Amino acid sequence: MPKLTGLDVTRRMRADPATKEIPVILLTARVEEADIKQGLEAGATAYLKKRFSPKELQGAAPNDSRQPLARCHSEPGRDTDSRGAGH
């Protein structure tokens, strides 16, 4: 992200009443304890270190059906993101 970091975006989302309830999953190569703490303190719903498994991502995603997340991998014509576009 050229001008904003994921932490910056997360903080802005949490500060805005229109986006503060949207789940944020940070996917990052930063693996130090301080990085994880900083991400969660910024308001991330979950913090996944790169080379994560699809099961880890699925486990981090909220179960609340009102908060849909696009799937990373899908079968053609079956899964769509929130805009209705297939992957």
C-alpha atoms as a PDB file:
ATOM      1  CA  MET A   1       0.000   0.000   0.000  1.00  0.00           C
ATOM      2  CA  PRO A   2       1.852   3.067  -1.192  1.00  0.00           C
ATOM      3  CA  LYS A   3       0.578   5.805   1.125  1.00  0.00           C
ATOM      4  CA  LEU A   4      -1.272   4.026   3.933  1.00  0.00           C
ATOM      5  CA  THR A   5      -0.328   0.950   5.890  1.00  0.00           C
ATOM      6  CA  GLY A   6      -2.803  -1.718   6.883  1.00  0.00           C
ATOM      7  CA  LEU A   7      -2.626  -0.317  10.404  1.00  0.00           C
ATOM      8  CA  ASP A   8      -3.500   3.159   9.112  1.00  0.00           C
ATOM      9  CA  VAL A   9      -6.505   1.806   7.213  1.00  0.00           C
ATOM     10  CA  THR A  10      -7.637  -0.236  10.226  1.00  0.00           C
ATOM     11  CA  ARG A  11      -7.422   2.788  12.527  1.00  0.00           C
ATOM     12  CA  ARG A  12      -9.377   4.932  10.057  1.00  0.00           C
ATOM     13  CA  MET A  13     -12.030   2.255   9.700  1.00  0.00           C
ATOM     14  CA  ARG A  14     -12.432   1.970  13.470  1.00  0.00           C
ATOM     15  CA  ALA A  15     -12.688   5.764  13.827  1.00  0.00           C
ATOM     16  CA  ASP A  16     -15.469   6.046  11.219  1.00  0.00           C
ATOM     17  CA  PRO A  17     -18.981   5.139  12.449  1.00  0.00           C
ATOM     18  CA  ALA A  18     -19.866   3.898   8.952  1.00  0.00           C
ATOM     19  CA  THR A  19     -17.042   1.302   8.917  1.00  0.00           C
ATOM     20  CA  LYS A  20     -16.193   0.632  12.548  1.00  0.00           C
ATOM     21  CA  GLU A  21     -18.106  -2.666  12.661  1.00  0.00           C
ATOM     22  CA  ILE A  22     -16.599  -4.161   9.474  1.00  0.00           C
ATOM     23  CA  PRO A  23     -14.269  -7.052  10.321  1.00  0.00           C
ATOM     24  CA  VAL A  24     -10.600  -6.443   9.504  1.00  0.00           C
ATOM     25  CA  ILE A  25      -8.203  -9.338   9.030  1.00  0.00           C
ATOM     26  CA  LEU A  26      -4.586  -8.276   8.676  1.00  0.00           C
ATOM     27  CA  LEU A  27      -2.549 -10.643   6.479  1.00  0.00           C
ATOM     28  CA  THR A  28       1.102  -9.796   6.930  1.00  0.00           C
ATOM     29  CA  ALA A  29       4.694 -10.959   6.923  1.00  0.00           C
ATOM     30  CA  ARG A  30       5.308  -9.055  10.158  1.00  0.00           C
ATOM     31  CA  VAL A  31       5.540 -11.736  12.829  1.00  0.00           C
ATOM     32  CA  GLU A  32       7.120 -10.082  15.848  1.00  0.00           C
ATOM     33  CA  GLU A  33       5.112  -9.936  19.064  1.00  0.00           C
ATOM     34  CA  ALA A  34       5.128  -6.112  18.937  1.00  0.00           C
ATOM     35  CA  ASP A  35       3.701  -6.157  15.389  1.00  0.00           C
ATOM     36  CA  ILE A  36       0.870  -8.479  16.393  1.00  0.00           C
ATOM     37  CA  LYS A  37       0.080  -6.359  19.457  1.00  0.00           C
ATOM     38  CA  GLN A  38       0.085  -3.194  17.345  1.00  0.00           C
ATOM     39  CA  GLY A  39      -2.280  -4.737  14.787  1.00  0.00           C
ATOM     40  CA  LEU A  40      -4.760  -5.900  17.381  1.00  0.00           C
ATOM     41  CA  GLU A  41      -4.575  -2.597  19.266  1.00  0.00           C
ATOM     42  CA  ALA A  42      -5.331  -0.794  15.988  1.00  0.00           C
ATOM     43  CA  GLY A  43      -8.607  -2.707  15.922  1.00  0.00           C
ATOM     44  CA  ALA A  44      -7.949  -5.713  13.715  1.00  0.00           C
ATOM     45  CA  THR A  45     -10.442  -8.534  14.160  1.00  0.00           C
ATOM     46  CA  ALA A  46      -7.661 -11.039  13.457  1.00  0.00           C
ATOM     47  CA  TYR A  47      -3.956 -11.030  12.613  1.00  0.00           C
ATOM     48  CA  LEU A  48      -2.683 -13.766  10.307  1.00  0.00           C
ATOM     49  CA  LYS A  49       0.969 -14.234   9.497  1.00  0.00           C
ATOM     50  CA  LYS A  50       1.801 -14.926   5.856  1.00  0.00           C
ATOM     51  CA  ARG A  51       2.026 -18.509   4.806  1.00  0.00           C
ATOM     52  CA  PHE A  52      -1.329 -18.944   6.456  1.00  0.00           C
ATOM     53  CA  SER A  53      -3.615 -21.802   5.539  1.00  0.00           C
ATOM     54  CA  PRO A  54      -7.109 -21.405   4.081  1.00  0.00           C
ATOM     55  CA  LYS A  55      -8.420 -22.997   7.295  1.00  0.00           C
ATOM     56  CA  GLU A  56      -6.735 -20.262   9.355  1.00  0.00           C
ATOM     57  CA  LEU A  57      -8.387 -17.594   7.214  1.00  0.00           C
ATOM     58  CA  GLN A  58     -11.749 -19.324   7.445  1.00  0.00           C
ATOM     59  CA  GLY A  59     -11.369 -19.553  11.225  1.00  0.00           C
ATOM     60  CA  ALA A  60     -10.562 -15.847  11.446  1.00  0.00           C
ATOM     61  CA  ALA A  61     -13.584 -14.811   9.383  1.00  0.00           C
ATOM     62  CA  PRO A  62     -16.632 -13.787  11.381  1.00  0.00           C
ATOM     63  CA  ASN A  63     -19.507 -16.251  11.537  1.00  0.00           C
ATOM     64  CA  ASP A  64     -22.024 -13.432  11.323  1.00  0.00           C
ATOM     65  CA  SER A  65     -23.731 -13.772   7.936  1.00  0.00           C
ATOM     66  CA  ARG A  66     -24.396 -10.023   7.901  1.00  0.00           C
ATOM     67  CA  GLN A  67     -20.640  -9.517   7.448  1.00  0.00           C
ATOM     68  CA  PRO A  68     -19.829 -11.449   4.244  1.00  0.00           C
ATOM     69  CA  LEU A  69     -16.230 -11.888   3.173  1.00  0.00           C
ATOM     70  CA  ALA A  70     -15.154 -12.745  -0.361  1.00  0.00           C
ATOM     71  CA  ARG A  71     -13.727 -16.241  -0.685  1.00  0.00           C
ATOM     72  CA  CYS A  72     -10.077 -16.661  -1.609  1.00  0.00           C
ATOM     73  CA  HIS A  73     -10.681 -19.772  -3.672  1.00  0.00           C
ATOM     74  CA  SER A  74     -13.952 -20.687  -5.289  1.00  0.00           C
ATOM     75  CA  GLU A  75     -15.448 -22.955  -7.853  1.00  0.00           C
ATOM     76  CA  PRO A  76     -16.358 -21.179 -11.100  1.00  0.00           C
ATOM     77  CA  GLY A  77     -19.921 -19.910 -11.037  1.00  0.00           C
ATOM     78  CA  ARG A  78     -20.618 -20.866  -7.425  1.00  0.00           C
ATOM     79  CA  ASP A  79     -19.181 -18.249  -5.085  1.00  0.00           C
ATOM     80  CA  THR A  80     -19.356 -14.512  -5.505  1.00  0.00           C
ATOM     81  CA  ASP A  81     -18.125 -11.552  -3.570  1.00  0.00           C
ATOM     82  CA  SER A  82     -20.417  -8.923  -2.056  1.00  0.00           C
ATOM     83  CA  ARG A  83     -20.709  -7.134  -5.424  1.00  0.00           C
ATOM     84  CA  GLY A  84     -21.850 -10.318  -7.149  1.00  0.00           C
ATOM     85  CA  ALA A  85     -18.708 -10.757  -9.229  1.00  0.00           C
ATOM     86  CA  GLY A  86     -17.367 -14.280  -9.561  1.00  0.00           C
ATOM     87  CA  HIS A  87     -13.749 -15.090  -8.719  1.00  0.00           C
END
